[in-house]
Amino acid sequence: MEDGGEQRNSYGTARRVFTLNYDRVTTAVKDSIVDFYDARYGRYETFDWVNPNDDVTYTVRFVPESLETEETDYQMFTVKLQLLQVI
């Protein structure tokens, strides 16, 4: 403001971002995760997800371009992704 005062606004409720890391999963588990991601068209379709840390169900969608897969051993993979809470 011109008189040196401040004005702050909240533009909605804070959203949570959940980071999921799956280490040393089989090809079948990796393919299941990738298939689920693809069926949601990546970030476009929301779904309900139960957080195993607090047993609360959140409506989430995938964070754009967050799905990463890497082969760590023979037919063992690391899968990383992020979920954004939809309010």
PDB file of N, CA and C in Angstrom:
ATOM      1  N   MET A   1       0.841  -1.168   0.000  1.00  0.00           N
ATOM      2  CA  MET A   1       0.000   0.000   0.000  1.00  0.00           C
ATOM      3  C   MET A   1       0.899   1.248   0.000  1.00  0.00           C
ATOM      4  N   GLU A   2       0.341   2.325  -0.445  1.00  0.00           N
ATOM      5  CA  GLU A   2       1.117   3.552  -0.537  1.00  0.00           C
ATOM      6  C   GLU A   2       1.535   4.098   0.816  1.00  0.00           C
ATOM      7  N   ASP A   3       0.734   3.860   1.852  1.00  0.00           N
ATOM      8  CA  ASP A   3       1.067   4.396   3.171  1.00  0.00           C
ATOM      9  C   ASP A   3       2.004   3.482   3.954  1.00  0.00           C
ATOM     10  N   GLY A   4       2.521   2.420   3.301  1.00  0.00           N
ATOM     11  CA  GLY A   4       3.454   1.517   3.965  1.00  0.00           C
ATOM     12  C   GLY A   4       2.790   0.328   4.626  1.00  0.00           C
ATOM     13  N   GLY A   5       1.451   0.312   4.667  1.00  0.00           N
ATOM     14  CA  GLY A   5       0.747  -0.816   5.268  1.00  0.00           C
ATOM     15  C   GLY A   5       0.769  -2.029   4.351  1.00  0.00           C
ATOM     16  N   GLU A   6       0.397  -3.171   4.922  1.00  0.00           N
ATOM     17  CA  GLU A   6       0.350  -4.411   4.155  1.00  0.00           C
ATOM     18  C   GLU A   6      -1.069  -4.917   4.057  1.00  0.00           C
ATOM     19  N   GLN A   7      -1.331  -5.583   2.973  1.00  0.00           N
ATOM     20  CA  GLN A   7      -2.609  -6.263   2.822  1.00  0.00           C
ATOM     21  C   GLN A   7      -2.313  -7.652   2.291  1.00  0.00           C
ATOM     22  N   ARG A   8      -2.857  -8.676   2.977  1.00  0.00           N
ATOM     23  CA  ARG A   8      -2.626 -10.050   2.557  1.00  0.00           C
ATOM     24  C   ARG A   8      -3.959 -10.737   2.361  1.00  0.00           C
ATOM     25  N   ASN A   9      -4.007 -11.574   1.340  1.00  0.00           N
ATOM     26  CA  ASN A   9      -5.220 -12.320   1.051  1.00  0.00           C
ATOM     27  C   ASN A   9      -4.888 -13.802   0.938  1.00  0.00           C
ATOM     28  N   SER A  10      -5.824 -14.615   1.340  1.00  0.00           N
ATOM     29  CA  SER A  10      -5.699 -16.048   1.145  1.00  0.00           C
ATOM     30  C   SER A  10      -6.523 -16.431  -0.075  1.00  0.00           C
ATOM     31  N   TYR A  11      -5.896 -17.103  -0.995  1.00  0.00           N
ATOM     32  CA  TYR A  11      -6.592 -17.516  -2.206  1.00  0.00           C
ATOM     33  C   TYR A  11      -6.944 -18.999  -2.116  1.00  0.00           C
ATOM     34  N   GLY A  12      -7.684 -19.360  -1.112  1.00  0.00           N
ATOM     35  CA  GLY A  12      -8.108 -20.757  -0.968  1.00  0.00           C
ATOM     36  C   GLY A  12      -7.320 -21.478   0.101  1.00  0.00           C
ATOM     37  N   THR A  13      -7.731 -22.679   0.335  1.00  0.00           N
ATOM     38  CA  THR A  13      -7.112 -23.522   1.339  1.00  0.00           C
ATOM     39  C   THR A  13      -5.797 -24.075   0.793  1.00  0.00           C
ATOM     40  N   ALA A  14      -4.832 -24.228   1.682  1.00  0.00           N
ATOM     41  CA  ALA A  14      -3.548 -24.786   1.266  1.00  0.00           C
ATOM     42  C   ALA A  14      -3.734 -26.224   0.796  1.00  0.00           C
ATOM     43  N   ARG A  15      -3.085 -26.569  -0.276  1.00  0.00           N
ATOM     44  CA  ARG A  15      -3.139 -27.928  -0.805  1.00  0.00           C
ATOM     45  C   ARG A  15      -1.914 -28.696  -0.338  1.00  0.00           C
ATOM     46  N   ARG A  16      -2.112 -29.962  -0.119  1.00  0.00           N
ATOM     47  CA  ARG A  16      -0.995 -30.821   0.265  1.00  0.00           C
ATOM     48  C   ARG A  16      -0.430 -31.504  -0.968  1.00  0.00           C
ATOM     49  N   VAL A  17       0.856 -31.708  -0.940  1.00  0.00           N
ATOM     50  CA  VAL A  17       1.529 -32.488  -1.972  1.00  0.00           C
ATOM     51  C   VAL A  17       2.121 -33.710  -1.286  1.00  0.00           C
ATOM     52  N   PHE A  18       1.805 -34.872  -1.816  1.00  0.00           N
ATOM     53  CA  PHE A  18       2.291 -36.128  -1.269  1.00  0.00           C
ATOM     54  C   PHE A  18       3.307 -36.713  -2.242  1.00  0.00           C
ATOM     55  N   THR A  19       4.478 -37.046  -1.752  1.00  0.00           N
ATOM     56  CA  THR A  19       5.513 -37.665  -2.564  1.00  0.00           C
ATOM     57  C   THR A  19       5.564 -39.147  -2.233  1.00  0.00           C
ATOM     58  N   LEU A  20       5.412 -39.977  -3.259  1.00  0.00           N
ATOM     59  CA  LEU A  20       5.419 -41.424  -3.074  1.00  0.00           C
ATOM     60  C   LEU A  20       6.659 -42.006  -3.745  1.00  0.00           C
ATOM     61  N   ASN A  21       7.388 -42.817  -2.995  1.00  0.00           N
ATOM     62  CA  ASN A  21       8.578 -43.494  -3.511  1.00  0.00           C
ATOM     63  C   ASN A  21       8.407 -44.990  -3.295  1.00  0.00           C
ATOM     64  N   TYR A  22       8.465 -45.726  -4.356  1.00  0.00           N
ATOM     65  CA  TYR A  22       8.392 -47.185  -4.288  1.00  0.00           C
ATOM     66  C   TYR A  22       9.770 -47.712  -4.686  1.00  0.00           C
ATOM     67  N   ASP A  23      10.453 -48.350  -3.752  1.00  0.00           N
ATOM     68  CA  ASP A  23      11.790 -48.870  -4.010  1.00  0.00           C
ATOM     69  C   ASP A  23      11.757 -50.377  -4.193  1.00  0.00           C
ATOM     70  N   ARG A  24      12.514 -50.842  -5.168  1.00  0.00           N
ATOM     71  CA  ARG A  24      12.690 -52.268  -5.440  1.00  0.00           C
ATOM     72  C   ARG A  24      11.366 -52.989  -5.637  1.00  0.00           C
ATOM     73  N   VAL A  25      10.565 -52.492  -6.573  1.00  0.00           N
ATOM     74  CA  VAL A  25       9.311 -53.156  -6.920  1.00  0.00           C
ATOM     75  C   VAL A  25       9.528 -53.972  -8.191  1.00  0.00           C
ATOM     76  N   THR A  26       8.702 -54.979  -8.358  1.00  0.00           N
ATOM     77  CA  THR A  26       8.818 -55.849  -9.525  1.00  0.00           C
ATOM     78  C   THR A  26       8.288 -55.149 -10.774  1.00  0.00           C
ATOM     79  N   THR A  27       8.540 -55.768 -11.905  1.00  0.00           N
ATOM     80  CA  THR A  27       8.042 -55.242 -13.173  1.00  0.00           C
ATOM     81  C   THR A  27       6.523 -55.161 -13.163  1.00  0.00           C
ATOM     82  N   ALA A  28       5.860 -56.162 -12.590  1.00  0.00           N
ATOM     83  CA  ALA A  28       4.393 -56.177 -12.554  1.00  0.00           C
ATOM     84  C   ALA A  28       3.847 -55.016 -11.731  1.00  0.00           C
ATOM     85  N   VAL A  29       4.449 -54.732 -10.585  1.00  0.00           N
ATOM     86  CA  VAL A  29       4.001 -53.615  -9.743  1.00  0.00           C
ATOM     87  C   VAL A  29       4.262 -52.293 -10.452  1.00  0.00           C
ATOM     88  N   LYS A  30       5.437 -52.146 -11.047  1.00  0.00           N
ATOM     89  CA  LYS A  30       5.748 -50.923 -11.795  1.00  0.00           C
ATOM     90  C   LYS A  30       4.751 -50.709 -12.924  1.00  0.00           C
ATOM     91  N   ASP A  31       4.461 -51.782 -13.663  1.00  0.00           N
ATOM     92  CA  ASP A  31       3.511 -51.672 -14.770  1.00  0.00           C
ATOM     93  C   ASP A  31       2.112 -51.315 -14.276  1.00  0.00           C
ATOM     94  N   SER A  32       1.707 -51.825 -13.123  1.00  0.00           N
ATOM     95  CA  SER A  32       0.398 -51.481 -12.552  1.00  0.00           C
ATOM     96  C   SER A  32       0.312 -49.999 -12.210  1.00  0.00           C
ATOM     97  N   ILE A  33       1.381 -49.458 -11.631  1.00  0.00           N
ATOM     98  CA  ILE A  33       1.409 -48.032 -11.287  1.00  0.00           C
ATOM     99  C   ILE A  33       1.363 -47.174 -12.553  1.00  0.00           C
ATOM    100  N   VAL A  34       2.151 -47.537 -13.541  1.00  0.00           N
ATOM    101  CA  VAL A  34       2.182 -46.787 -14.803  1.00  0.00           C
ATOM    102  C   VAL A  34       0.830 -46.874 -15.508  1.00  0.00           C
ATOM    103  N   ASP A  35       0.213 -48.056 -15.509  1.00  0.00           N
ATOM    104  CA  ASP A  35      -1.107 -48.213 -16.129  1.00  0.00           C
ATOM    105  C   ASP A  35      -2.160 -47.355 -15.434  1.00  0.00           C
ATOM    106  N   PHE A  36      -2.122 -47.291 -14.095  1.00  0.00           N
ATOM    107  CA  PHE A  36      -3.062 -46.450 -13.345  1.00  0.00           C
ATOM    108  C   PHE A  36      -2.843 -44.983 -13.690  1.00  0.00           C
ATOM    109  N   TYR A  37      -1.592 -44.561 -13.761  1.00  0.00           N
ATOM    110  CA  TYR A  37      -1.251 -43.186 -14.138  1.00  0.00           C
ATOM    111  C   TYR A  37      -1.790 -42.871 -15.538  1.00  0.00           C
ATOM    112  N   ASP A  38      -1.558 -43.776 -16.469  1.00  0.00           N
ATOM    113  CA  ASP A  38      -2.022 -43.567 -17.841  1.00  0.00           C
ATOM    114  C   ASP A  38      -3.550 -43.550 -17.936  1.00  0.00           C
ATOM    115  N   ALA A  39      -4.224 -44.379 -17.145  1.00  0.00           N
ATOM    116  CA  ALA A  39      -5.693 -44.423 -17.163  1.00  0.00           C
ATOM    117  C   ALA A  39      -6.301 -43.122 -16.651  1.00  0.00           C
ATOM    118  N   ARG A  40      -5.575 -42.391 -15.813  1.00  0.00           N
ATOM    119  CA  ARG A  40      -6.037 -41.095 -15.302  1.00  0.00           C
ATOM    120  C   ARG A  40      -5.605 -39.967 -16.236  1.00  0.00           C
ATOM    121  N   TYR A  41      -5.012 -40.303 -17.356  1.00  0.00           N
ATOM    122  CA  TYR A  41      -4.455 -39.318 -18.290  1.00  0.00           C
ATOM    123  C   TYR A  41      -3.469 -38.407 -17.579  1.00  0.00           C
ATOM    124  N   GLY A  42      -2.619 -39.017 -16.771  1.00  0.00           N
ATOM    125  CA  GLY A  42      -1.637 -38.238 -16.021  1.00  0.00           C
ATOM    126  C   GLY A  42      -2.305 -37.383 -14.973  1.00  0.00           C
ATOM    127  N   ARG A  43      -2.291 -36.095 -15.168  1.00  0.00           N
ATOM    128  CA  ARG A  43      -2.782 -35.157 -14.145  1.00  0.00           C
ATOM    129  C   ARG A  43      -4.241 -34.770 -14.302  1.00  0.00           C
ATOM    130  N   TYR A  44      -4.958 -35.281 -15.289  1.00  0.00           N
ATOM    131  CA  TYR A  44      -6.275 -34.738 -15.613  1.00  0.00           C
ATOM    132  C   TYR A  44      -7.429 -35.306 -14.802  1.00  0.00           C
ATOM    133  N   GLU A  45      -7.352 -36.525 -14.344  1.00  0.00           N
ATOM    134  CA  GLU A  45      -8.482 -37.127 -13.641  1.00  0.00           C
ATOM    135  C   GLU A  45      -8.157 -37.275 -12.158  1.00  0.00           C
ATOM    136  N   THR A  46      -9.077 -36.868 -11.305  1.00  0.00           N
ATOM    137  CA  THR A  46      -8.870 -37.009  -9.866  1.00  0.00           C
ATOM    138  C   THR A  46      -9.280 -38.409  -9.418  1.00  0.00           C
ATOM    139  N   PHE A  47      -8.788 -38.779  -8.238  1.00  0.00           N
ATOM    140  CA  PHE A  47      -9.145 -40.063  -7.647  1.00  0.00           C
ATOM    141  C   PHE A  47      -8.972 -39.960  -6.138  1.00  0.00           C
ATOM    142  N   ASP A  48      -9.578 -40.879  -5.416  1.00  0.00           N
ATOM    143  CA  ASP A  48      -9.457 -40.914  -3.962  1.00  0.00           C
ATOM    144  C   ASP A  48      -8.263 -41.784  -3.588  1.00  0.00           C
ATOM    145  N   TRP A  49      -7.471 -41.282  -2.642  1.00  0.00           N
ATOM    146  CA  TRP A  49      -6.265 -41.973  -2.188  1.00  0.00           C
ATOM    147  C   TRP A  49      -6.251 -41.944  -0.670  1.00  0.00           C
ATOM    148  N   VAL A  50      -5.998 -43.081  -0.052  1.00  0.00           N
ATOM    149  CA  VAL A  50      -5.914 -43.173   1.409  1.00  0.00           C
ATOM    150  C   VAL A  50      -4.449 -43.062   1.807  1.00  0.00           C
ATOM    151  N   ASN A  51      -4.142 -42.044   2.587  1.00  0.00           N
ATOM    152  CA  ASN A  51      -2.791 -41.844   3.079  1.00  0.00           C
ATOM    153  C   ASN A  51      -2.507 -42.894   4.147  1.00  0.00           C
ATOM    154  N   PRO A  52      -1.506 -43.745   3.970  1.00  0.00           N
ATOM    155  CA  PRO A  52      -1.239 -44.786   4.955  1.00  0.00           C
ATOM    156  C   PRO A  52      -0.703 -44.250   6.278  1.00  0.00           C
ATOM    157  N   ASN A  53      -0.247 -42.989   6.305  1.00  0.00           N
ATOM    158  CA  ASN A  53       0.281 -42.411   7.545  1.00  0.00           C
ATOM    159  C   ASN A  53      -0.807 -41.957   8.505  1.00  0.00           C
ATOM    160  N   ASP A  54      -1.953 -41.502   7.970  1.00  0.00           N
ATOM    161  CA  ASP A  54      -3.012 -41.004   8.852  1.00  0.00           C
ATOM    162  C   ASP A  54      -4.380 -41.627   8.568  1.00  0.00           C
ATOM    163  N   ASP A  55      -4.456 -42.560   7.624  1.00  0.00           N
ATOM    164  CA  ASP A  55      -5.695 -43.249   7.242  1.00  0.00           C
ATOM    165  C   ASP A  55      -6.815 -42.301   6.825  1.00  0.00           C
ATOM    166  N   VAL A  56      -6.454 -41.140   6.311  1.00  0.00           N
ATOM    167  CA  VAL A  56      -7.422 -40.165   5.813  1.00  0.00           C
ATOM    168  C   VAL A  56      -7.492 -40.299   4.297  1.00  0.00           C
ATOM    169  N   THR A  57      -8.708 -40.236   3.758  1.00  0.00           N
ATOM    170  CA  THR A  57      -8.900 -40.303   2.311  1.00  0.00           C
ATOM    171  C   THR A  57      -8.858 -38.885   1.734  1.00  0.00           C
ATOM    172  N   TYR A  58      -8.004 -38.702   0.743  1.00  0.00           N
ATOM    173  CA  TYR A  58      -7.848 -37.421   0.075  1.00  0.00           C
ATOM    174  C   TYR A  58      -8.256 -37.573  -1.392  1.00  0.00           C
ATOM    175  N   THR A  59      -8.852 -36.529  -1.950  1.00  0.00           N
ATOM    176  CA  THR A  59      -9.076 -36.482  -3.386  1.00  0.00           C
ATOM    177  C   THR A  59      -7.852 -35.814  -3.983  1.00  0.00           C
ATOM    178  N   VAL A  60      -7.194 -36.524  -4.887  1.00  0.00           N
ATOM    179  CA  VAL A  60      -5.910 -36.072  -5.418  1.00  0.00           C
ATOM    180  C   VAL A  60      -5.872 -36.241  -6.931  1.00  0.00           C
ATOM    181  N   ARG A  61      -4.849 -35.669  -7.526  1.00  0.00           N
ATOM    182  CA  ARG A  61      -4.507 -35.909  -8.914  1.00  0.00           C
ATOM    183  C   ARG A  61      -2.985 -35.951  -8.980  1.00  0.00           C
ATOM    184  N   PHE A  62      -2.459 -36.497 -10.046  1.00  0.00           N
ATOM    185  CA  PHE A  62      -1.015 -36.557 -10.198  1.00  0.00           C
ATOM    186  C   PHE A  62      -0.458 -35.180 -10.514  1.00  0.00           C
ATOM    187  N   VAL A  63       0.705 -34.879  -9.969  1.00  0.00           N
ATOM    188  CA  VAL A  63       1.419 -33.655 -10.320  1.00  0.00           C
ATOM    189  C   VAL A  63       1.988 -33.863 -11.723  1.00  0.00           C
ATOM    190  N   PRO A  64       1.855 -32.869 -12.604  1.00  0.00           N
ATOM    191  CA  PRO A  64       2.333 -33.034 -13.984  1.00  0.00           C
ATOM    192  C   PRO A  64       3.793 -33.494 -14.052  1.00  0.00           C
ATOM    193  N   GLU A  65       4.042 -34.424 -14.936  1.00  0.00           N
ATOM    194  CA  GLU A  65       5.401 -34.903 -15.209  1.00  0.00           C
ATOM    195  C   GLU A  65       6.122 -35.417 -13.969  1.00  0.00           C
ATOM    196  N   SER A  66       5.393 -35.941 -12.979  1.00  0.00           N
ATOM    197  CA  SER A  66       6.043 -36.379 -11.748  1.00  0.00           C
ATOM    198  C   SER A  66       6.375 -37.866 -11.739  1.00  0.00           C
ATOM    199  N   LEU A  67       5.863 -38.629 -12.684  1.00  0.00           N
ATOM    200  CA  LEU A  67       6.102 -40.071 -12.696  1.00  0.00           C
ATOM    201  C   LEU A  67       7.502 -40.370 -13.232  1.00  0.00           C
ATOM    202  N   GLU A  68       8.309 -41.007 -12.400  1.00  0.00           N
ATOM    203  CA  GLU A  68       9.657 -41.397 -12.790  1.00  0.00           C
ATOM    204  C   GLU A  68       9.843 -42.876 -12.485  1.00  0.00           C
ATOM    205  N   THR A  69      10.387 -43.615 -13.424  1.00  0.00           N
ATOM    206  CA  THR A  69      10.723 -45.019 -13.189  1.00  0.00           C
ATOM    207  C   THR A  69      12.175 -45.237 -13.564  1.00  0.00           C
ATOM    208  N   GLU A  70      12.818 -46.111 -12.800  1.00  0.00           N
ATOM    209  CA  GLU A  70      14.217 -46.413 -13.061  1.00  0.00           C
ATOM    210  C   GLU A  70      14.480 -47.858 -12.678  1.00  0.00           C
ATOM    211  N   GLU A  71      15.152 -48.584 -13.542  1.00  0.00           N
ATOM    212  CA  GLU A  71      15.519 -49.962 -13.221  1.00  0.00           C
ATOM    213  C   GLU A  71      16.761 -49.926 -12.339  1.00  0.00           C
ATOM    214  N   THR A  72      16.670 -50.508 -11.144  1.00  0.00           N
ATOM    215  CA  THR A  72      17.776 -50.469 -10.193  1.00  0.00           C
ATOM    216  C   THR A  72      18.562 -51.771 -10.176  1.00  0.00           C
ATOM    217  N   ASP A  73      17.904 -52.853 -10.400  1.00  0.00           N
ATOM    218  CA  ASP A  73      18.508 -54.179 -10.496  1.00  0.00           C
ATOM    219  C   ASP A  73      17.804 -54.898 -11.624  1.00  0.00           C
ATOM    220  N   TYR A  74      18.192 -56.111 -11.857  1.00  0.00           N
ATOM    221  CA  TYR A  74      17.529 -56.886 -12.895  1.00  0.00           C
ATOM    222  C   TYR A  74      16.058 -57.062 -12.537  1.00  0.00           C
ATOM    223  N   GLN A  75      15.170 -56.471 -13.325  1.00  0.00           N
ATOM    224  CA  GLN A  75      13.721 -56.518 -13.177  1.00  0.00           C
ATOM    225  C   GLN A  75      13.226 -55.993 -11.827  1.00  0.00           C
ATOM    226  N   MET A  76      13.980 -55.096 -11.221  1.00  0.00           N
ATOM    227  CA  MET A  76      13.563 -54.403 -10.001  1.00  0.00           C
ATOM    228  C   MET A  76      13.630 -52.907 -10.298  1.00  0.00           C
ATOM    229  N   PHE A  77      12.616 -52.187  -9.848  1.00  0.00           N
ATOM    230  CA  PHE A  77      12.475 -50.790 -10.240  1.00  0.00           C
ATOM    231  C   PHE A  77      12.243 -49.888  -9.036  1.00  0.00           C
ATOM    232  N   THR A  78      12.566 -48.616  -9.227  1.00  0.00           N
ATOM    233  CA  THR A  78      12.178 -47.544  -8.327  1.00  0.00           C
ATOM    234  C   THR A  78      11.154 -46.707  -9.078  1.00  0.00           C
ATOM    235  N   VAL A  79      10.035 -46.402  -8.407  1.00  0.00           N
ATOM    236  CA  VAL A  79       8.989 -45.569  -8.999  1.00  0.00           C
ATOM    237  C   VAL A  79       8.765 -44.386  -8.059  1.00  0.00           C
ATOM    238  N   LYS A  80       8.798 -43.186  -8.607  1.00  0.00           N
ATOM    239  CA  LYS A  80       8.571 -41.969  -7.830  1.00  0.00           C
ATOM    240  C   LYS A  80       7.465 -41.171  -8.501  1.00  0.00           C
ATOM    241  N   LEU A  81       6.585 -40.593  -7.668  1.00  0.00           N
ATOM    242  CA  LEU A  81       5.525 -39.732  -8.191  1.00  0.00           C
ATOM    243  C   LEU A  81       5.019 -38.825  -7.097  1.00  0.00           C
ATOM    244  N   GLN A  82       4.265 -37.819  -7.494  1.00  0.00           N
ATOM    245  CA  GLN A  82       3.679 -36.883  -6.542  1.00  0.00           C
ATOM    246  C   GLN A  82       2.189 -36.757  -6.790  1.00  0.00           C
ATOM    247  N   LEU A  83       1.457 -36.591  -5.688  1.00  0.00           N
ATOM    248  CA  LEU A  83       0.018 -36.379  -5.733  1.00  0.00           C
ATOM    249  C   LEU A  83      -0.288 -35.006  -5.155  1.00  0.00           C
ATOM    250  N   LEU A  84      -1.218 -34.299  -5.781  1.00  0.00           N
ATOM    251  CA  LEU A  84      -1.646 -32.980  -5.319  1.00  0.00           C
ATOM    252  C   LEU A  84      -3.081 -33.079  -4.835  1.00  0.00           C
ATOM    253  N   GLN A  85      -3.321 -32.625  -3.614  1.00  0.00           N
ATOM    254  CA  GLN A  85      -4.684 -32.642  -3.062  1.00  0.00           C
ATOM    255  C   GLN A  85      -5.548 -31.657  -3.831  1.00  0.00           C
ATOM    256  N   VAL A  86      -6.749 -32.106  -4.197  1.00  0.00           N
ATOM    257  CA  VAL A  86      -7.716 -31.269  -4.908  1.00  0.00           C
ATOM    258  C   VAL A  86      -8.773 -30.847  -3.909  1.00  0.00           C
ATOM    259  N   ILE A  87      -9.012 -29.540  -3.847  1.00  0.00           N
ATOM    260  CA  ILE A  87      -9.976 -29.025  -2.873  1.00  0.00           C
ATOM    261  C   ILE A  87     -11.172 -28.464  -3.594  1.00  0.00           C
TER     262      ILE A  87
END
